[in-house]
């Protein structure tokens, strides 16, 4: 799925400056579907967020007790604060339920963010109608690193890339 709409009446992701504004104004993130398995993308993103950002990060997973030494909450409603941003690592069939949980938290949640591979224009329009900003099929970690010096705007490390071996 693509983040770009081919028809102007279809839903589009916020622009890069808008995504930067979202990330810069965010103070807390609830990661729905966070995994304790270090081989999972959500665990890698969680590690980055905890070590390289100022965000307060909360993990939501009904099947885990602890991730990276932090408690895990069974539902979004169990998180001790209303997060600014809900970041979702769940299968597409679960997204409407996660949005329902997000909307039940009220106006405190400002952004509903779906990770790589997750895109549903109808769901985005529903979230926006409820006053939420929506980002889909993009990674919070990649976007944060891009805007804060860790990645080139194209999404890769800013170092020189070459297949040639270095000479002494």
C-alpha atoms as a PDB file:
ATOM      1  CA  UNK A   1       0.000   0.000   0.000  1.00  0.00           C
ATOM      2  CA  UNK A   2       1.179   3.474  -0.748  1.00  0.00           C
ATOM      3  CA  UNK A   3       1.072   6.555   1.411  1.00  0.00           C
ATOM      4  CA  UNK A   4       0.290   8.668  -1.643  1.00  0.00           C
ATOM      5  CA  UNK A   5      -3.254   9.014  -2.919  1.00  0.00           C
ATOM      6  CA  UNK A   6      -3.708   8.787  -6.692  1.00  0.00           C
ATOM      7  CA  UNK A   7      -7.004  10.695  -6.586  1.00  0.00           C
ATOM      8  CA  UNK A   8      -7.157  14.110  -4.866  1.00  0.00           C
ATOM      9  CA  UNK A   9     -10.407  13.117  -3.119  1.00  0.00           C
ATOM     10  CA  UNK A  10      -8.617  10.246  -1.381  1.00  0.00           C
ATOM     11  CA  UNK A  11      -6.920  10.547   1.978  1.00  0.00           C
ATOM     12  CA  UNK A  12      -3.286  11.759   2.169  1.00  0.00           C
ATOM     13  CA  UNK A  13      -0.700  11.634   4.933  1.00  0.00           C
ATOM     14  CA  UNK A  14       0.390  14.906   6.510  1.00  0.00           C
ATOM     15  CA  UNK A  15       3.322  16.566   4.757  1.00  0.00           C
ATOM     16  CA  UNK A  16       6.858  16.217   6.137  1.00  0.00           C
ATOM     17  CA  UNK A  17       6.685  19.602   7.938  1.00  0.00           C
ATOM     18  CA  UNK A  18       3.323  18.618   9.432  1.00  0.00           C
ATOM     19  CA  UNK A  19       4.721  15.278  10.624  1.00  0.00           C
ATOM     20  CA  UNK A  20       7.649  17.091  12.208  1.00  0.00           C
ATOM     21  CA  UNK A  21       5.238  19.425  14.008  1.00  0.00           C
ATOM     22  CA  UNK A  22       3.294  16.391  15.261  1.00  0.00           C
ATOM     23  CA  UNK A  23       6.441  14.729  16.605  1.00  0.00           C
ATOM     24  CA  UNK A  24       7.803  17.954  18.099  1.00  0.00           C
ATOM     25  CA  UNK A  25       4.548  18.631  19.970  1.00  0.00           C
ATOM     26  CA  UNK A  26       4.184  15.042  21.215  1.00  0.00           C
ATOM     27  CA  UNK A  27       5.163  14.344  24.812  1.00  0.00           C
ATOM     28  CA  UNK A  28       3.776  10.834  25.353  1.00  0.00           C
ATOM     29  CA  UNK A  29       3.295   7.796  23.114  1.00  0.00           C
ATOM     30  CA  UNK A  30       1.280   4.636  23.728  1.00  0.00           C
ATOM     31  CA  UNK A  31       2.564   1.774  21.592  1.00  0.00           C
ATOM     32  CA  UNK A  32      -0.350  -0.594  20.918  1.00  0.00           C
ATOM     33  CA  UNK A  33       0.947  -4.021  19.943  1.00  0.00           C
ATOM     34  CA  UNK A  34       4.414  -3.506  21.395  1.00  0.00           C
ATOM     35  CA  UNK A  35       6.283  -6.797  21.616  1.00  0.00           C
ATOM     36  CA  UNK A  36       8.812  -8.109  24.144  1.00  0.00           C
ATOM     37  CA  UNK A  37      10.449 -10.044  21.281  1.00  0.00           C
ATOM     38  CA  UNK A  38      13.640  -8.180  20.238  1.00  0.00           C
ATOM     39  CA  UNK A  39      13.222  -9.512  16.685  1.00  0.00           C
ATOM     40  CA  UNK A  40       9.961  -7.582  16.239  1.00  0.00           C
ATOM     41  CA  UNK A  41       9.872  -4.108  14.689  1.00  0.00           C
ATOM     42  CA  UNK A  42       7.883  -2.713  17.608  1.00  0.00           C
ATOM     43  CA  UNK A  43      10.636  -3.729  20.034  1.00  0.00           C
ATOM     44  CA  UNK A  44      13.264  -2.034  17.885  1.00  0.00           C
ATOM     45  CA  UNK A  45      11.147   1.135  17.711  1.00  0.00           C
ATOM     46  CA  UNK A  46      10.544   1.000  21.475  1.00  0.00           C
ATOM     47  CA  UNK A  47      14.281   0.709  22.123  1.00  0.00           C
ATOM     48  CA  UNK A  48      14.917   3.746  19.943  1.00  0.00           C
ATOM     49  CA  UNK A  49      12.153   5.830  21.532  1.00  0.00           C
ATOM     50  CA  UNK A  50      13.369   5.052  25.055  1.00  0.00           C
ATOM     51  CA  UNK A  51      17.044   5.685  24.307  1.00  0.00           C
ATOM     52  CA  UNK A  52      16.975   8.498  21.769  1.00  0.00           C
ATOM     53  CA  UNK A  53      13.921  10.657  22.481  1.00  0.00           C
ATOM     54  CA  UNK A  54      12.364  12.618  25.309  1.00  0.00           C
ATOM     55  CA  UNK A  55       8.959  10.905  24.944  1.00  0.00           C
ATOM     56  CA  UNK A  56       7.193   9.169  27.803  1.00  0.00           C
ATOM     57  CA  UNK A  57       6.512   5.752  26.255  1.00  0.00           C
ATOM     58  CA  UNK A  58       3.807   3.324  27.381  1.00  0.00           C
ATOM     59  CA  UNK A  59       3.409  -0.224  26.069  1.00  0.00           C
ATOM     60  CA  UNK A  60       0.034  -1.853  25.396  1.00  0.00           C
ATOM     61  CA  UNK A  61      -0.177  -5.612  24.860  1.00  0.00           C
ATOM     62  CA  UNK A  62      -2.654  -7.938  26.604  1.00  0.00           C
ATOM     63  CA  UNK A  63      -0.181 -10.837  26.446  1.00  0.00           C
ATOM     64  CA  UNK A  64       2.962  -9.234  27.897  1.00  0.00           C
ATOM     65  CA  UNK A  65       3.875  -8.185  31.431  1.00  0.00           C
ATOM     66  CA  UNK A  66       7.087  -6.241  30.792  1.00  0.00           C
ATOM     67  CA  UNK A  67       8.941  -4.829  27.788  1.00  0.00           C
ATOM     68  CA  UNK A  68      12.450  -3.392  28.091  1.00  0.00           C
ATOM     69  CA  UNK A  69      12.089  -3.295  31.881  1.00  0.00           C
ATOM     70  CA  UNK A  70       8.858  -1.309  31.763  1.00  0.00           C
ATOM     71  CA  UNK A  71       5.317  -2.345  32.643  1.00  0.00           C
ATOM     72  CA  UNK A  72       2.889  -3.295  29.899  1.00  0.00           C
ATOM     73  CA  UNK A  73      -0.780  -2.337  30.008  1.00  0.00           C
ATOM     74  CA  UNK A  74      -3.523  -4.672  28.795  1.00  0.00           C
ATOM     75  CA  UNK A  75      -5.558  -1.921  27.076  1.00  0.00           C
ATOM     76  CA  UNK A  76      -5.204   1.742  26.196  1.00  0.00           C
ATOM     77  CA  UNK A  77      -7.691   2.521  28.979  1.00  0.00           C
ATOM     78  CA  UNK A  78      -5.237   0.994  31.481  1.00  0.00           C
ATOM     79  CA  UNK A  79      -2.401   3.392  30.577  1.00  0.00           C
ATOM     80  CA  UNK A  80      -1.978   5.803  33.539  1.00  0.00           C
ATOM     81  CA  UNK A  81      -2.055   8.907  31.299  1.00  0.00           C
ATOM     82  CA  UNK A  82      -3.903   9.881  28.155  1.00  0.00           C
ATOM     83  CA  UNK A  83      -1.110   9.753  25.570  1.00  0.00           C
ATOM     84  CA  UNK A  84      -0.644  12.468  22.968  1.00  0.00           C
ATOM     85  CA  UNK A  85       0.015   9.889  20.252  1.00  0.00           C
ATOM     86  CA  UNK A  86      -1.231   6.320  19.818  1.00  0.00           C
ATOM     87  CA  UNK A  87       1.176   4.308  17.677  1.00  0.00           C
ATOM     88  CA  UNK A  88      -0.254   1.054  16.312  1.00  0.00           C
ATOM     89  CA  UNK A  89       1.578  -2.208  15.560  1.00  0.00           C
ATOM     90  CA  UNK A  90      -1.415  -4.500  14.939  1.00  0.00           C
ATOM     91  CA  UNK A  91      -2.857  -6.426  12.020  1.00  0.00           C
ATOM     92  CA  UNK A  92      -5.282  -4.554   9.732  1.00  0.00           C
ATOM     93  CA  UNK A  93      -8.352  -6.387  11.058  1.00  0.00           C
ATOM     94  CA  UNK A  94      -7.609  -5.018  14.553  1.00  0.00           C
ATOM     95  CA  UNK A  95      -7.384  -1.363  13.522  1.00  0.00           C
ATOM     96  CA  UNK A  96     -11.067  -0.396  13.902  1.00  0.00           C
ATOM     97  CA  UNK A  97     -11.034  -1.708  17.489  1.00  0.00           C
ATOM     98  CA  UNK A  98      -7.824   0.160  18.291  1.00  0.00           C
ATOM     99  CA  UNK A  99      -9.345   3.341  16.892  1.00  0.00           C
ATOM    100  CA  UNK A 100     -12.441   2.772  19.049  1.00  0.00           C
ATOM    101  CA  UNK A 101     -10.199   2.450  22.131  1.00  0.00           C
ATOM    102  CA  UNK A 102      -8.310   5.589  21.093  1.00  0.00           C
ATOM    103  CA  UNK A 103     -11.467   7.633  20.603  1.00  0.00           C
ATOM    104  CA  UNK A 104     -12.791   6.453  23.980  1.00  0.00           C
ATOM    105  CA  UNK A 105      -9.825   8.246  25.613  1.00  0.00           C
ATOM    106  CA  UNK A 106     -11.232  11.594  24.476  1.00  0.00           C
ATOM    107  CA  UNK A 107      -9.600  14.761  23.250  1.00  0.00           C
ATOM    108  CA  UNK A 108      -6.228  14.223  24.969  1.00  0.00           C
ATOM    109  CA  UNK A 109      -5.047  11.923  22.195  1.00  0.00           C
ATOM    110  CA  UNK A 110      -4.125  14.200  19.314  1.00  0.00           C
ATOM    111  CA  UNK A 111      -2.556  11.713  16.863  1.00  0.00           C
ATOM    112  CA  UNK A 112      -3.419   8.220  15.623  1.00  0.00           C
ATOM    113  CA  UNK A 113      -0.305   6.763  13.911  1.00  0.00           C
ATOM    114  CA  UNK A 114      -0.215   3.472  11.981  1.00  0.00           C
ATOM    115  CA  UNK A 115       3.131   1.797  11.333  1.00  0.00           C
ATOM    116  CA  UNK A 116       4.590   0.617   8.017  1.00  0.00           C
ATOM    117  CA  UNK A 117       2.183  -1.532   6.023  1.00  0.00           C
ATOM    118  CA  UNK A 118      -0.953  -0.200   7.705  1.00  0.00           C
ATOM    119  CA  UNK A 119      -3.174   2.087   5.622  1.00  0.00           C
ATOM    120  CA  UNK A 120      -6.961   2.472   5.721  1.00  0.00           C
ATOM    121  CA  UNK A 121      -8.379   5.697   4.273  1.00  0.00           C
ATOM    122  CA  UNK A 122     -11.856   5.133   5.732  1.00  0.00           C
ATOM    123  CA  UNK A 123     -10.376   4.617   9.185  1.00  0.00           C
ATOM    124  CA  UNK A 124      -8.291   7.787   8.765  1.00  0.00           C
ATOM    125  CA  UNK A 125     -11.336   9.826   7.811  1.00  0.00           C
ATOM    126  CA  UNK A 126     -13.196   8.481  10.841  1.00  0.00           C
ATOM    127  CA  UNK A 127     -10.321   9.450  13.153  1.00  0.00           C
ATOM    128  CA  UNK A 128     -10.043  12.896  11.584  1.00  0.00           C
ATOM    129  CA  UNK A 129     -13.799  13.441  11.949  1.00  0.00           C
ATOM    130  CA  UNK A 130     -13.228  12.845  15.679  1.00  0.00           C
ATOM    131  CA  UNK A 131     -10.524  15.538  15.731  1.00  0.00           C
ATOM    132  CA  UNK A 132      -7.422  13.328  15.527  1.00  0.00           C
ATOM    133  CA  UNK A 133      -4.437  13.849  13.257  1.00  0.00           C
ATOM    134  CA  UNK A 134      -3.603  10.671  11.369  1.00  0.00           C
ATOM    135  CA  UNK A 135      -0.362   9.305   9.953  1.00  0.00           C
ATOM    136  CA  UNK A 136      -0.325   5.927   8.203  1.00  0.00           C
ATOM    137  CA  UNK A 137       2.205   3.544   6.674  1.00  0.00           C
ATOM    138  CA  UNK A 138       5.105   5.431   8.246  1.00  0.00           C
ATOM    139  CA  UNK A 139       7.385   4.673  11.194  1.00  0.00           C
ATOM    140  CA  UNK A 140       7.618   6.995  14.200  1.00  0.00           C
ATOM    141  CA  UNK A 141      11.255   5.967  14.703  1.00  0.00           C
ATOM    142  CA  UNK A 142      12.224   6.664  11.082  1.00  0.00           C
ATOM    143  CA  UNK A 143      10.368   9.972  11.017  1.00  0.00           C
ATOM    144  CA  UNK A 144      11.840  11.111  14.345  1.00  0.00           C
ATOM    145  CA  UNK A 145      15.369  10.193  13.238  1.00  0.00           C
ATOM    146  CA  UNK A 146      14.846  11.906   9.881  1.00  0.00           C
ATOM    147  CA  UNK A 147      13.780  15.170  11.499  1.00  0.00           C
ATOM    148  CA  UNK A 148      16.347  15.101  14.288  1.00  0.00           C
ATOM    149  CA  UNK A 149      19.561  14.328  12.429  1.00  0.00           C
ATOM    150  CA  UNK A 150      19.674  10.542  12.488  1.00  0.00           C
ATOM    151  CA  UNK A 151      18.563   9.949   8.910  1.00  0.00           C
ATOM    152  CA  UNK A 152      18.753  11.598   5.538  1.00  0.00           C
ATOM    153  CA  UNK A 153      15.402  12.885   4.206  1.00  0.00           C
ATOM    154  CA  UNK A 154      15.325   9.850   1.920  1.00  0.00           C
ATOM    155  CA  UNK A 155      15.313   7.639   5.017  1.00  0.00           C
ATOM    156  CA  UNK A 156      18.846   6.282   5.251  1.00  0.00           C
ATOM    157  CA  UNK A 157      21.905   7.033   7.344  1.00  0.00           C
ATOM    158  CA  UNK A 158      23.524  10.360   6.528  1.00  0.00           C
ATOM    159  CA  UNK A 159      26.961   8.757   6.218  1.00  0.00           C
ATOM    160  CA  UNK A 160      28.599   8.110   2.888  1.00  0.00           C
ATOM    161  CA  UNK A 161      27.342   4.884   1.333  1.00  0.00           C
ATOM    162  CA  UNK A 162      29.556   2.877  -0.985  1.00  0.00           C
ATOM    163  CA  UNK A 163      30.171  -0.730  -1.935  1.00  0.00           C
ATOM    164  CA  UNK A 164      33.884  -0.039  -2.188  1.00  0.00           C
ATOM    165  CA  UNK A 165      36.178  -1.199   0.560  1.00  0.00           C
ATOM    166  CA  UNK A 166      38.026   1.472   2.420  1.00  0.00           C
ATOM    167  CA  UNK A 167      41.723   1.737   1.888  1.00  0.00           C
ATOM    168  CA  UNK A 168      43.989   2.441   4.822  1.00  0.00           C
END
